[in-house]
Amino acid sequence: MRIRFFLGLIIGITLVSCYQPERDCKLFKTGEFTFEYMVDGEKKNSTFTRTDKYSIERYENKVDTATVRWLSDCEFILNPSDNQTPIHYKILSTTKDAYLFEYGVVGKKQKSKGTATKTN
């Protein structure tokens, strides 16, 4: 009985550890997107357009532009045009029309997560 239990446990752990989330990052390199985020407990929205070289974000009647430098199919760095600190993005998983990502200031350990939805 114990052997069956441990064998089942080992097989279960092996199957779970082999699971890899879908990551078809190439679908999200360019396009128009929306992004929801929280500021002081209030939900906010922004939209952005990303080309091969630029990201243009619109939020709260402002427009920010940054250059995009791709490190791999699933990782890139945004360099804001106003000399702010670059931000590193890593796409963690994808669905048909959205992706989950992790981001943080280059050189800092603190990371946040978000979801962007492709609108076009």
PDB file of N, CA and C in Angstrom:
ATOM      1  N   MET A   1       0.822  -1.194   0.000  1.00  0.00           N
ATOM      2  CA  MET A   1       0.000   0.000   0.000  1.00  0.00           C
ATOM      3  C   MET A   1       0.865   1.256   0.000  1.00  0.00           C
ATOM      4  N   ARG A   2       1.898   1.272   0.848  1.00  0.00           N
ATOM      5  CA  ARG A   2       2.777   2.441   0.901  1.00  0.00           C
ATOM      6  C   ARG A   2       3.535   2.632  -0.405  1.00  0.00           C
ATOM      7  N   ILE A   3       3.949   1.547  -1.012  1.00  0.00           N
ATOM      8  CA  ILE A   3       4.699   1.641  -2.262  1.00  0.00           C
ATOM      9  C   ILE A   3       3.816   2.265  -3.340  1.00  0.00           C
ATOM     10  N   ARG A   4       2.561   1.865  -3.422  1.00  0.00           N
ATOM     11  CA  ARG A   4       1.642   2.448  -4.403  1.00  0.00           C
ATOM     12  C   ARG A   4       1.459   3.939  -4.148  1.00  0.00           C
ATOM     13  N   PHE A   5       1.330   4.307  -2.890  1.00  0.00           N
ATOM     14  CA  PHE A   5       1.149   5.719  -2.531  1.00  0.00           C
ATOM     15  C   PHE A   5       2.358   6.545  -2.984  1.00  0.00           C
ATOM     16  N   PHE A   6       3.564   6.080  -2.631  1.00  0.00           N
ATOM     17  CA  PHE A   6       4.775   6.809  -2.993  1.00  0.00           C
ATOM     18  C   PHE A   6       4.995   6.821  -4.507  1.00  0.00           C
ATOM     19  N   LEU A   7       4.674   5.742  -5.174  1.00  0.00           N
ATOM     20  CA  LEU A   7       4.791   5.692  -6.634  1.00  0.00           C
ATOM     21  C   LEU A   7       3.828   6.695  -7.263  1.00  0.00           C
ATOM     22  N   GLY A   8       2.591   6.727  -6.768  1.00  0.00           N
ATOM     23  CA  GLY A   8       1.612   7.701  -7.264  1.00  0.00           C
ATOM     24  C   GLY A   8       2.046   9.126  -6.993  1.00  0.00           C
ATOM     25  N   LEU A   9       2.617   9.367  -5.825  1.00  0.00           N
ATOM     26  CA  LEU A   9       3.103  10.695  -5.465  1.00  0.00           C
ATOM     27  C   LEU A   9       4.241  11.124  -6.394  1.00  0.00           C
ATOM     28  N   ILE A  10       5.166  10.236  -6.644  1.00  0.00           N
ATOM     29  CA  ILE A  10       6.299  10.539  -7.526  1.00  0.00           C
ATOM     30  C   ILE A  10       5.808  10.822  -8.945  1.00  0.00           C
ATOM     31  N   ILE A  11       4.899  10.023  -9.457  1.00  0.00           N
ATOM     32  CA  ILE A  11       4.355  10.249 -10.804  1.00  0.00           C
ATOM     33  C   ILE A  11       3.616  11.581 -10.854  1.00  0.00           C
ATOM     34  N   GLY A  12       2.831  11.879  -9.838  1.00  0.00           N
ATOM     35  CA  GLY A  12       2.101  13.151  -9.800  1.00  0.00           C
ATOM     36  C   GLY A  12       3.035  14.345  -9.785  1.00  0.00           C
ATOM     37  N   ILE A  13       4.060  14.301  -8.961  1.00  0.00           N
ATOM     38  CA  ILE A  13       5.038  15.394  -8.894  1.00  0.00           C
ATOM     39  C   ILE A  13       5.757  15.548 -10.233  1.00  0.00           C
ATOM     40  N   THR A  14       6.107  14.442 -10.848  1.00  0.00           N
ATOM     41  CA  THR A  14       6.793  14.490 -12.135  1.00  0.00           C
ATOM     42  C   THR A  14       5.917  15.145 -13.190  1.00  0.00           C
ATOM     43  N   LEU A  15       4.649  14.782 -13.245  1.00  0.00           N
ATOM     44  CA  LEU A  15       3.755  15.373 -14.237  1.00  0.00           C
ATOM     45  C   LEU A  15       3.553  16.858 -14.005  1.00  0.00           C
ATOM     46  N   VAL A  16       3.403  17.267 -12.766  1.00  0.00           N
ATOM     47  CA  VAL A  16       3.202  18.683 -12.454  1.00  0.00           C
ATOM     48  C   VAL A  16       4.464  19.475 -12.768  1.00  0.00           C
ATOM     49  N   SER A  17       5.629  18.939 -12.463  1.00  0.00           N
ATOM     50  CA  SER A  17       6.875  19.666 -12.705  1.00  0.00           C
ATOM     51  C   SER A  17       7.191  19.779 -14.190  1.00  0.00           C
ATOM     52  N   CYS A  18       6.605  18.941 -15.026  1.00  0.00           N
ATOM     53  CA  CYS A  18       6.838  18.999 -16.466  1.00  0.00           C
ATOM     54  C   CYS A  18       5.940  20.028 -17.155  1.00  0.00           C
ATOM     55  N   TYR A  19       4.946  20.560 -16.453  1.00  0.00           N
ATOM     56  CA  TYR A  19       4.028  21.516 -17.055  1.00  0.00           C
ATOM     57  C   TYR A  19       4.756  22.810 -17.394  1.00  0.00           C
ATOM     58  N   GLN A  20       4.653  23.241 -18.608  1.00  0.00           N
ATOM     59  CA  GLN A  20       5.219  24.512 -19.044  1.00  0.00           C
ATOM     60  C   GLN A  20       4.091  25.371 -19.598  1.00  0.00           C
ATOM     61  N   PRO A  21       3.943  26.595 -19.100  1.00  0.00           N
ATOM     62  CA  PRO A  21       2.896  27.449 -19.639  1.00  0.00           C
ATOM     63  C   PRO A  21       3.188  27.779 -21.095  1.00  0.00           C
ATOM     64  N   GLU A  22       2.122  28.016 -21.863  1.00  0.00           N
ATOM     65  CA  GLU A  22       2.281  28.375 -23.268  1.00  0.00           C
ATOM     66  C   GLU A  22       2.961  29.736 -23.356  1.00  0.00           C
ATOM     67  N   ARG A  23       3.945  29.836 -24.262  1.00  0.00           N
ATOM     68  CA  ARG A  23       4.644  31.112 -24.456  1.00  0.00           C
ATOM     69  C   ARG A  23       4.920  31.295 -25.946  1.00  0.00           C
ATOM     70  N   ASP A  24       3.938  31.814 -26.662  1.00  0.00           N
ATOM     71  CA  ASP A  24       4.118  32.138 -28.074  1.00  0.00           C
ATOM     72  C   ASP A  24       4.319  33.646 -28.161  1.00  0.00           C
ATOM     73  N   CYS A  25       5.470  34.090 -27.705  1.00  0.00           N
ATOM     74  CA  CYS A  25       5.756  35.517 -27.525  1.00  0.00           C
ATOM     75  C   CYS A  25       5.789  36.298 -28.833  1.00  0.00           C
ATOM     76  N   LYS A  26       6.137  35.649 -29.929  1.00  0.00           N
ATOM     77  CA  LYS A  26       6.245  36.353 -31.204  1.00  0.00           C
ATOM     78  C   LYS A  26       4.931  37.024 -31.598  1.00  0.00           C
ATOM     79  N   LEU A  27       3.803  36.477 -31.152  1.00  0.00           N
ATOM     80  CA  LEU A  27       2.496  37.072 -31.465  1.00  0.00           C
ATOM     81  C   LEU A  27       2.315  38.438 -30.813  1.00  0.00           C
ATOM     82  N   PHE A  28       3.135  38.757 -29.808  1.00  0.00           N
ATOM     83  CA  PHE A  28       2.941  39.972 -29.022  1.00  0.00           C
ATOM     84  C   PHE A  28       4.090  40.974 -29.154  1.00  0.00           C
ATOM     85  N   LYS A  29       4.959  40.767 -30.123  1.00  0.00           N
ATOM     86  CA  LYS A  29       6.076  41.704 -30.306  1.00  0.00           C
ATOM     87  C   LYS A  29       5.595  43.061 -30.805  1.00  0.00           C
ATOM     88  N   THR A  30       4.584  43.070 -31.630  1.00  0.00           N
ATOM     89  CA  THR A  30       4.049  44.328 -32.153  1.00  0.00           C
ATOM     90  C   THR A  30       2.526  44.305 -32.058  1.00  0.00           C
ATOM     91  N   GLY A  31       1.935  45.493 -32.067  1.00  0.00           N
ATOM     92  CA  GLY A  31       0.478  45.589 -32.055  1.00  0.00           C
ATOM     93  C   GLY A  31      -0.013  46.656 -31.102  1.00  0.00           C
ATOM     94  N   GLU A  32      -1.327  46.670 -30.914  1.00  0.00           N
ATOM     95  CA  GLU A  32      -1.968  47.590 -29.976  1.00  0.00           C
ATOM     96  C   GLU A  32      -2.491  46.778 -28.810  1.00  0.00           C
ATOM     97  N   PHE A  33      -2.304  47.329 -27.588  1.00  0.00           N
ATOM     98  CA  PHE A  33      -2.599  46.589 -26.368  1.00  0.00           C
ATOM     99  C   PHE A  33      -3.289  47.478 -25.342  1.00  0.00           C
ATOM    100  N   THR A  34      -3.990  46.836 -24.404  1.00  0.00           N
ATOM    101  CA  THR A  34      -4.495  47.526 -23.219  1.00  0.00           C
ATOM    102  C   THR A  34      -3.872  46.860 -22.004  1.00  0.00           C
ATOM    103  N   PHE A  35      -3.753  47.642 -20.939  1.00  0.00           N
ATOM    104  CA  PHE A  35      -3.115  47.156 -19.725  1.00  0.00           C
ATOM    105  C   PHE A  35      -3.839  47.769 -18.536  1.00  0.00           C
ATOM    106  N   GLU A  36      -4.302  46.928 -17.608  1.00  0.00           N
ATOM    107  CA  GLU A  36      -4.933  47.394 -16.377  1.00  0.00           C
ATOM    108  C   GLU A  36      -3.917  47.318 -15.245  1.00  0.00           C
ATOM    109  N   TYR A  37      -3.913  48.367 -14.401  1.00  0.00           N
ATOM    110  CA  TYR A  37      -2.994  48.386 -13.269  1.00  0.00           C
ATOM    111  C   TYR A  37      -3.647  49.124 -12.111  1.00  0.00           C
ATOM    112  N   MET A  38      -3.083  48.939 -10.924  1.00  0.00           N
ATOM    113  CA  MET A  38      -3.634  49.553  -9.719  1.00  0.00           C
ATOM    114  C   MET A  38      -2.700  50.648  -9.215  1.00  0.00           C
ATOM    115  N   VAL A  39      -3.287  51.789  -8.833  1.00  0.00           N
ATOM    116  CA  VAL A  39      -2.554  52.884  -8.203  1.00  0.00           C
ATOM    117  C   VAL A  39      -3.353  53.314  -6.987  1.00  0.00           C
ATOM    118  N   ASP A  40      -2.772  53.141  -5.810  1.00  0.00           N
ATOM    119  CA  ASP A  40      -3.438  53.494  -4.552  1.00  0.00           C
ATOM    120  C   ASP A  40      -4.829  52.866  -4.446  1.00  0.00           C
ATOM    121  N   GLY A  41      -4.930  51.605  -4.838  1.00  0.00           N
ATOM    122  CA  GLY A  41      -6.190  50.881  -4.742  1.00  0.00           C
ATOM    123  C   GLY A  41      -7.201  51.201  -5.824  1.00  0.00           C
ATOM    124  N   GLU A  42      -6.837  52.047  -6.766  1.00  0.00           N
ATOM    125  CA  GLU A  42      -7.747  52.423  -7.855  1.00  0.00           C
ATOM    126  C   GLU A  42      -7.279  51.763  -9.153  1.00  0.00           C
ATOM    127  N   LYS A  43      -8.230  51.110  -9.862  1.00  0.00           N
ATOM    128  CA  LYS A  43      -7.909  50.460 -11.115  1.00  0.00           C
ATOM    129  C   LYS A  43      -7.803  51.500 -12.223  1.00  0.00           C
ATOM    130  N   LYS A  44      -6.719  51.443 -12.975  1.00  0.00           N
ATOM    131  CA  LYS A  44      -6.478  52.366 -14.081  1.00  0.00           C
ATOM    132  C   LYS A  44      -6.197  51.569 -15.342  1.00  0.00           C
ATOM    133  N   ASN A  45      -6.379  52.217 -16.478  1.00  0.00           N
ATOM    134  CA  ASN A  45      -6.134  51.590 -17.773  1.00  0.00           C
ATOM    135  C   ASN A  45      -5.176  52.429 -18.590  1.00  0.00           C
ATOM    136  N   SER A  46      -4.395  51.765 -19.385  1.00  0.00           N
ATOM    137  CA  SER A  46      -3.583  52.468 -20.371  1.00  0.00           C
ATOM    138  C   SER A  46      -3.644  51.656 -21.658  1.00  0.00           C
ATOM    139  N   THR A  47      -3.319  52.308 -22.744  1.00  0.00           N
ATOM    140  CA  THR A  47      -3.204  51.622 -24.028  1.00  0.00           C
ATOM    141  C   THR A  47      -1.818  51.906 -24.562  1.00  0.00           C
ATOM    142  N   PHE A  48      -1.277  50.968 -25.301  1.00  0.00           N
ATOM    143  CA  PHE A  48       0.015  51.214 -25.918  1.00  0.00           C
ATOM    144  C   PHE A  48       0.108  50.511 -27.254  1.00  0.00           C
ATOM    145  N   THR A  49       0.909  51.118 -28.105  1.00  0.00           N
ATOM    146  CA  THR A  49       1.200  50.574 -29.420  1.00  0.00           C
ATOM    147  C   THR A  49       2.681  50.253 -29.438  1.00  0.00           C
ATOM    148  N   ARG A  50       3.015  49.019 -29.837  1.00  0.00           N
ATOM    149  CA  ARG A  50       4.418  48.626 -29.882  1.00  0.00           C
ATOM    150  C   ARG A  50       4.771  48.227 -31.308  1.00  0.00           C
ATOM    151  N   THR A  51       5.835  48.828 -31.829  1.00  0.00           N
ATOM    152  CA  THR A  51       6.401  48.436 -33.116  1.00  0.00           C
ATOM    153  C   THR A  51       7.691  47.683 -32.828  1.00  0.00           C
ATOM    154  N   ASP A  52       8.426  47.342 -33.859  1.00  0.00           N
ATOM    155  CA  ASP A  52       9.703  46.655 -33.655  1.00  0.00           C
ATOM    156  C   ASP A  52      10.673  47.494 -32.835  1.00  0.00           C
ATOM    157  N   LYS A  53      10.567  48.827 -32.932  1.00  0.00           N
ATOM    158  CA  LYS A  53      11.554  49.688 -32.284  1.00  0.00           C
ATOM    159  C   LYS A  53      11.000  50.609 -31.206  1.00  0.00           C
ATOM    160  N   TYR A  54       9.677  50.852 -31.198  1.00  0.00           N
ATOM    161  CA  TYR A  54       9.121  51.845 -30.279  1.00  0.00           C
ATOM    162  C   TYR A  54       7.876  51.335 -29.555  1.00  0.00           C
ATOM    163  N   SER A  55       7.649  51.912 -28.377  1.00  0.00           N
ATOM    164  CA  SER A  55       6.418  51.684 -27.625  1.00  0.00           C
ATOM    165  C   SER A  55       5.852  53.057 -27.284  1.00  0.00           C
ATOM    166  N   ILE A  56       4.589  53.271 -27.635  1.00  0.00           N
ATOM    167  CA  ILE A  56       3.920  54.543 -27.374  1.00  0.00           C
ATOM    168  C   ILE A  56       2.740  54.249 -26.461  1.00  0.00           C
ATOM    169  N   GLU A  57       2.806  54.754 -25.230  1.00  0.00           N
ATOM    170  CA  GLU A  57       1.775  54.481 -24.221  1.00  0.00           C
ATOM    171  C   GLU A  57       0.930  55.727 -23.982  1.00  0.00           C
ATOM    172  N   ARG A  58      -0.398  55.502 -23.880  1.00  0.00           N
ATOM    173  CA  ARG A  58      -1.349  56.584 -23.606  1.00  0.00           C
ATOM    174  C   ARG A  58      -2.071  56.275 -22.306  1.00  0.00           C
ATOM    175  N   TYR A  59      -1.980  57.219 -21.349  1.00  0.00           N
ATOM    176  CA  TYR A  59      -2.659  57.054 -20.068  1.00  0.00           C
ATOM    177  C   TYR A  59      -2.899  58.428 -19.468  1.00  0.00           C
ATOM    178  N   GLU A  60      -4.022  58.602 -18.816  1.00  0.00           N
ATOM    179  CA  GLU A  60      -4.380  59.844 -18.116  1.00  0.00           C
ATOM    180  C   GLU A  60      -4.043  61.089 -18.934  1.00  0.00           C
ATOM    181  N   ASN A  61      -4.439  61.105 -20.191  1.00  0.00           N
ATOM    182  CA  ASN A  61      -4.214  62.240 -21.103  1.00  0.00           C
ATOM    183  C   ASN A  61      -2.730  62.550 -21.315  1.00  0.00           C
ATOM    184  N   LYS A  62      -1.872  61.563 -21.146  1.00  0.00           N
ATOM    185  CA  LYS A  62      -0.442  61.720 -21.387  1.00  0.00           C
ATOM    186  C   LYS A  62      -0.003  60.700 -22.427  1.00  0.00           C
ATOM    187  N   VAL A  63       1.118  60.986 -23.063  1.00  0.00           N
ATOM    188  CA  VAL A  63       1.711  60.062 -24.027  1.00  0.00           C
ATOM    189  C   VAL A  63       3.182  59.901 -23.671  1.00  0.00           C
ATOM    190  N   ASP A  64       3.622  58.658 -23.503  1.00  0.00           N
ATOM    191  CA  ASP A  64       5.026  58.348 -23.238  1.00  0.00           C
ATOM    192  C   ASP A  64       5.561  57.511 -24.393  1.00  0.00           C
ATOM    193  N   THR A  65       6.761  57.808 -24.801  1.00  0.00           N
ATOM    194  CA  THR A  65       7.405  57.063 -25.872  1.00  0.00           C
ATOM    195  C   THR A  65       8.689  56.445 -25.333  1.00  0.00           C
ATOM    196  N   ALA A  66       8.962  55.235 -25.758  1.00  0.00           N
ATOM    197  CA  ALA A  66      10.186  54.544 -25.347  1.00  0.00           C
ATOM    198  C   ALA A  66      10.698  53.717 -26.516  1.00  0.00           C
ATOM    199  N   THR A  67      12.004  53.499 -26.545  1.00  0.00           N
ATOM    200  CA  THR A  67      12.553  52.576 -27.531  1.00  0.00           C
ATOM    201  C   THR A  67      12.479  51.168 -26.951  1.00  0.00           C
ATOM    202  N   VAL A  68      12.340  50.195 -27.827  1.00  0.00           N
ATOM    203  CA  VAL A  68      12.236  48.786 -27.433  1.00  0.00           C
ATOM    204  C   VAL A  68      13.505  48.075 -27.887  1.00  0.00           C
ATOM    205  N   ARG A  69      14.129  47.362 -26.961  1.00  0.00           N
ATOM    206  CA  ARG A  69      15.295  46.532 -27.296  1.00  0.00           C
ATOM    207  C   ARG A  69      14.981  45.106 -26.874  1.00  0.00           C
ATOM    208  N   TRP A  70      14.780  44.231 -27.863  1.00  0.00           N
ATOM    209  CA  TRP A  70      14.450  42.839 -27.585  1.00  0.00           C
ATOM    210  C   TRP A  70      15.702  42.059 -27.220  1.00  0.00           C
ATOM    211  N   LEU A  71      15.651  41.347 -26.091  1.00  0.00           N
ATOM    212  CA  LEU A  71      16.751  40.490 -25.644  1.00  0.00           C
ATOM    213  C   LEU A  71      16.568  39.068 -26.151  1.00  0.00           C
ATOM    214  N   SER A  72      15.305  38.662 -26.295  1.00  0.00           N
ATOM    215  CA  SER A  72      14.926  37.353 -26.821  1.00  0.00           C
ATOM    216  C   SER A  72      13.478  37.493 -27.294  1.00  0.00           C
ATOM    217  N   ASP A  73      12.885  36.405 -27.754  1.00  0.00           N
ATOM    218  CA  ASP A  73      11.481  36.477 -28.187  1.00  0.00           C
ATOM    219  C   ASP A  73      10.553  36.866 -27.048  1.00  0.00           C
ATOM    220  N   CYS A  74      10.928  36.590 -25.800  1.00  0.00           N
ATOM    221  CA  CYS A  74      10.042  36.825 -24.657  1.00  0.00           C
ATOM    222  C   CYS A  74      10.545  37.877 -23.667  1.00  0.00           C
ATOM    223  N   GLU A  75      11.655  38.534 -23.952  1.00  0.00           N
ATOM    224  CA  GLU A  75      12.183  39.546 -23.031  1.00  0.00           C
ATOM    225  C   GLU A  75      12.621  40.783 -23.796  1.00  0.00           C
ATOM    226  N   PHE A  76      12.323  41.944 -23.208  1.00  0.00           N
ATOM    227  CA  PHE A  76      12.750  43.195 -23.827  1.00  0.00           C
ATOM    228  C   PHE A  76      12.952  44.269 -22.766  1.00  0.00           C
ATOM    229  N   ILE A  77      13.618  45.322 -23.173  1.00  0.00           N
ATOM    230  CA  ILE A  77      13.851  46.472 -22.302  1.00  0.00           C
ATOM    231  C   ILE A  77      13.254  47.698 -22.969  1.00  0.00           C
ATOM    232  N   LEU A  78      12.480  48.461 -22.197  1.00  0.00           N
ATOM    233  CA  LEU A  78      11.969  49.748 -22.665  1.00  0.00           C
ATOM    234  C   LEU A  78      12.878  50.840 -22.111  1.00  0.00           C
ATOM    235  N   ASN A  79      13.358  51.685 -22.995  1.00  0.00           N
ATOM    236  CA  ASN A  79      14.177  52.831 -22.612  1.00  0.00           C
ATOM    237  C   ASN A  79      13.348  54.088 -22.841  1.00  0.00           C
ATOM    238  N   PRO A  80      12.788  54.678 -21.784  1.00  0.00           N
ATOM    239  CA  PRO A  80      11.957  55.876 -21.933  1.00  0.00           C
ATOM    240  C   PRO A  80      12.736  57.023 -22.572  1.00  0.00           C
ATOM    241  N   SER A  81      12.046  57.828 -23.365  1.00  0.00           N
ATOM    242  CA  SER A  81      12.702  58.927 -24.070  1.00  0.00           C
ATOM    243  C   SER A  81      13.041  60.094 -23.148  1.00  0.00           C
ATOM    244  N   ASP A  82      12.487  60.120 -21.942  1.00  0.00           N
ATOM    245  CA  ASP A  82      12.746  61.238 -21.029  1.00  0.00           C
ATOM    246  C   ASP A  82      13.852  60.915 -20.015  1.00  0.00           C
ATOM    247  N   ASN A  83      14.778  60.033 -20.411  1.00  0.00           N
ATOM    248  CA  ASN A  83      15.946  59.670 -19.593  1.00  0.00           C
ATOM    249  C   ASN A  83      15.597  59.032 -18.255  1.00  0.00           C
ATOM    250  N   GLN A  84      14.423  58.438 -18.132  1.00  0.00           N
ATOM    251  CA  GLN A  84      14.097  57.687 -16.928  1.00  0.00           C
ATOM    252  C   GLN A  84      14.821  56.345 -16.999  1.00  0.00           C
ATOM    253  N   THR A  85      14.800  55.624 -15.894  1.00  0.00           N
ATOM    254  CA  THR A  85      15.469  54.336 -15.812  1.00  0.00           C
ATOM    255  C   THR A  85      14.778  53.311 -16.716  1.00  0.00           C
ATOM    256  N   PRO A  86      15.556  52.515 -17.449  1.00  0.00           N
ATOM    257  CA  PRO A  86      14.973  51.480 -18.309  1.00  0.00           C
ATOM    258  C   PRO A  86      14.212  50.442 -17.487  1.00  0.00           C
ATOM    259  N   ILE A  87      13.210  49.821 -18.126  1.00  0.00           N
ATOM    260  CA  ILE A  87      12.384  48.802 -17.476  1.00  0.00           C
ATOM    261  C   ILE A  87      12.514  47.498 -18.253  1.00  0.00           C
ATOM    262  N   HIS A  88      12.772  46.420 -17.529  1.00  0.00           N
ATOM    263  CA  HIS A  88      12.915  45.086 -18.110  1.00  0.00           C
ATOM    264  C   HIS A  88      11.574  44.362 -18.049  1.00  0.00           C
ATOM    265  N   TYR A  89      11.151  43.766 -19.159  1.00  0.00           N
ATOM    266  CA  TYR A  89       9.898  43.015 -19.244  1.00  0.00           C
ATOM    267  C   TYR A  89      10.203  41.585 -19.651  1.00  0.00           C
ATOM    268  N   LYS A  90       9.471  40.653 -19.037  1.00  0.00           N
ATOM    269  CA  LYS A  90       9.601  39.243 -19.406  1.00  0.00           C
ATOM    270  C   LYS A  90       8.194  38.660 -19.531  1.00  0.00           C
ATOM    271  N   ILE A  91       7.868  38.142 -20.707  1.00  0.00           N
ATOM    272  CA  ILE A  91       6.571  37.500 -20.930  1.00  0.00           C
ATOM    273  C   ILE A  91       6.634  36.109 -20.307  1.00  0.00           C
ATOM    274  N   LEU A  92       5.727  35.851 -19.367  1.00  0.00           N
ATOM    275  CA  LEU A  92       5.729  34.582 -18.636  1.00  0.00           C
ATOM    276  C   LEU A  92       4.851  33.527 -19.281  1.00  0.00           C
ATOM    277  N   SER A  93       3.693  33.952 -19.803  1.00  0.00           N
ATOM    278  CA  SER A  93       2.791  33.014 -20.465  1.00  0.00           C
ATOM    279  C   SER A  93       1.906  33.798 -21.419  1.00  0.00           C
ATOM    280  N   THR A  94       1.341  33.078 -22.389  1.00  0.00           N
ATOM    281  CA  THR A  94       0.482  33.712 -23.380  1.00  0.00           C
ATOM    282  C   THR A  94      -0.798  32.918 -23.559  1.00  0.00           C
ATOM    283  N   THR A  95      -1.832  33.624 -24.011  1.00  0.00           N
ATOM    284  CA  THR A  95      -3.067  32.991 -24.473  1.00  0.00           C
ATOM    285  C   THR A  95      -3.286  33.483 -25.896  1.00  0.00           C
ATOM    286  N   LYS A  96      -4.454  33.248 -26.421  1.00  0.00           N
ATOM    287  CA  LYS A  96      -4.740  33.665 -27.795  1.00  0.00           C
ATOM    288  C   LYS A  96      -4.597  35.174 -27.988  1.00  0.00           C
ATOM    289  N   ASP A  97      -5.048  35.964 -27.002  1.00  0.00           N
ATOM    290  CA  ASP A  97      -5.058  37.416 -27.195  1.00  0.00           C
ATOM    291  C   ASP A  97      -4.464  38.211 -26.028  1.00  0.00           C
ATOM    292  N   ALA A  98      -3.746  37.542 -25.119  1.00  0.00           N
ATOM    293  CA  ALA A  98      -3.179  38.264 -23.972  1.00  0.00           C
ATOM    294  C   ALA A  98      -1.895  37.583 -23.503  1.00  0.00           C
ATOM    295  N   TYR A  99      -1.135  38.331 -22.719  1.00  0.00           N
ATOM    296  CA  TYR A  99       0.063  37.739 -22.123  1.00  0.00           C
ATOM    297  C   TYR A  99       0.259  38.245 -20.700  1.00  0.00           C
ATOM    298  N   LEU A 100       0.763  37.349 -19.859  1.00  0.00           N
ATOM    299  CA  LEU A 100       1.129  37.666 -18.481  1.00  0.00           C
ATOM    300  C   LEU A 100       2.610  38.003 -18.502  1.00  0.00           C
ATOM    301  N   PHE A 101       2.980  39.114 -17.851  1.00  0.00           N
ATOM    302  CA  PHE A 101       4.364  39.517 -17.867  1.00  0.00           C
ATOM    303  C   PHE A 101       4.820  39.972 -16.488  1.00  0.00           C
ATOM    304  N   GLU A 102       6.124  39.969 -16.335  1.00  0.00           N
ATOM    305  CA  GLU A 102       6.782  40.450 -15.128  1.00  0.00           C
ATOM    306  C   GLU A 102       7.645  41.622 -15.564  1.00  0.00           C
ATOM    307  N   TYR A 103       7.686  42.665 -14.733  1.00  0.00           N
ATOM    308  CA  TYR A 103       8.490  43.831 -15.105  1.00  0.00           C
ATOM    309  C   TYR A 103       9.091  44.485 -13.875  1.00  0.00           C
ATOM    310  N   GLY A 104      10.181  45.191 -14.119  1.00  0.00           N
ATOM    311  CA  GLY A 104      10.843  45.892 -13.034  1.00  0.00           C
ATOM    312  C   GLY A 104      11.938  46.794 -13.575  1.00  0.00           C
ATOM    313  N   VAL A 105      12.351  47.743 -12.761  1.00  0.00           N
ATOM    314  CA  VAL A 105      13.415  48.660 -13.132  1.00  0.00           C
ATOM    315  C   VAL A 105      14.709  47.866 -13.272  1.00  0.00           C
ATOM    316  N   VAL A 106      15.439  48.122 -14.332  1.00  0.00           N
ATOM    317  CA  VAL A 106      16.712  47.428 -14.563  1.00  0.00           C
ATOM    318  C   VAL A 106      17.636  47.681 -13.371  1.00  0.00           C
ATOM    319  N   GLY A 107      18.207  46.606 -12.839  1.00  0.00           N
ATOM    320  CA  GLY A 107      19.119  46.702 -11.708  1.00  0.00           C
ATOM    321  C   GLY A 107      18.459  46.558 -10.348  1.00  0.00           C
ATOM    322  N   LYS A 108      17.135  46.543 -10.301  1.00  0.00           N
ATOM    323  CA  LYS A 108      16.407  46.380  -9.035  1.00  0.00           C
ATOM    324  C   LYS A 108      15.826  44.973  -8.971  1.00  0.00           C
ATOM    325  N   LYS A 109      15.747  44.416  -7.765  1.00  0.00           N
ATOM    326  CA  LYS A 109      15.196  43.071  -7.599  1.00  0.00           C
ATOM    327  C   LYS A 109      13.671  43.049  -7.566  1.00  0.00           C
ATOM    328  N   GLN A 110      13.051  44.138  -7.165  1.00  0.00           N
ATOM    329  CA  GLN A 110      11.590  44.181  -7.041  1.00  0.00           C
ATOM    330  C   GLN A 110      10.945  44.066  -8.418  1.00  0.00           C
ATOM    331  N   LYS A 111      10.010  43.128  -8.538  1.00  0.00           N
ATOM    332  CA  LYS A 111       9.289  42.890  -9.789  1.00  0.00           C
ATOM    333  C   LYS A 111       7.793  42.981  -9.529  1.00  0.00           C
ATOM    334  N   SER A 112       7.072  43.362 -10.551  1.00  0.00           N
ATOM    335  CA  SER A 112       5.609  43.373 -10.513  1.00  0.00           C
ATOM    336  C   SER A 112       5.124  42.544 -11.691  1.00  0.00           C
ATOM    337  N   LYS A 113       3.851  42.177 -11.654  1.00  0.00           N
ATOM    338  CA  LYS A 113       3.260  41.407 -12.750  1.00  0.00           C
ATOM    339  C   LYS A 113       2.063  42.150 -13.295  1.00  0.00           C
ATOM    340  N   GLY A 114       1.776  41.880 -14.548  1.00  0.00           N
ATOM    341  CA  GLY A 114       0.625  42.482 -15.185  1.00  0.00           C
ATOM    342  C   GLY A 114       0.166  41.623 -16.342  1.00  0.00           C
ATOM    343  N   THR A 115      -0.972  41.973 -16.904  1.00  0.00           N
ATOM    344  CA  THR A 115      -1.510  41.299 -18.074  1.00  0.00           C
ATOM    345  C   THR A 115      -1.835  42.338 -19.116  1.00  0.00           C
ATOM    346  N   ALA A 116      -1.357  42.110 -20.332  1.00  0.00           N
ATOM    347  CA  ALA A 116      -1.671  42.982 -21.464  1.00  0.00           C
ATOM    348  C   ALA A 116      -2.537  42.209 -22.445  1.00  0.00           C
ATOM    349  N   THR A 117      -3.529  42.881 -22.994  1.00  0.00           N
ATOM    350  CA  THR A 117      -4.437  42.255 -23.958  1.00  0.00           C
ATOM    351  C   THR A 117      -4.260  42.920 -25.308  1.00  0.00           C
ATOM    352  N   LYS A 118      -4.087  42.113 -26.331  1.00  0.00           N
ATOM    353  CA  LYS A 118      -3.910  42.639 -27.686  1.00  0.00           C
ATOM    354  C   LYS A 118      -5.283  43.035 -28.215  1.00  0.00           C
ATOM    355  N   THR A 119      -5.371  44.239 -28.761  1.00  0.00           N
ATOM    356  CA  THR A 119      -6.667  44.736 -29.209  1.00  0.00           C
ATOM    357  C   THR A 119      -6.826  44.740 -30.715  1.00  0.00           C
ATOM    358  N   ASN A 120      -5.766  44.447 -31.479  1.00  0.00           N
ATOM    359  CA  ASN A 120      -5.892  44.417 -32.933  1.00  0.00           C
ATOM    360  C   ASN A 120      -5.470  43.087 -33.493  1.00  0.00           C
TER     361      ASN A 120
END
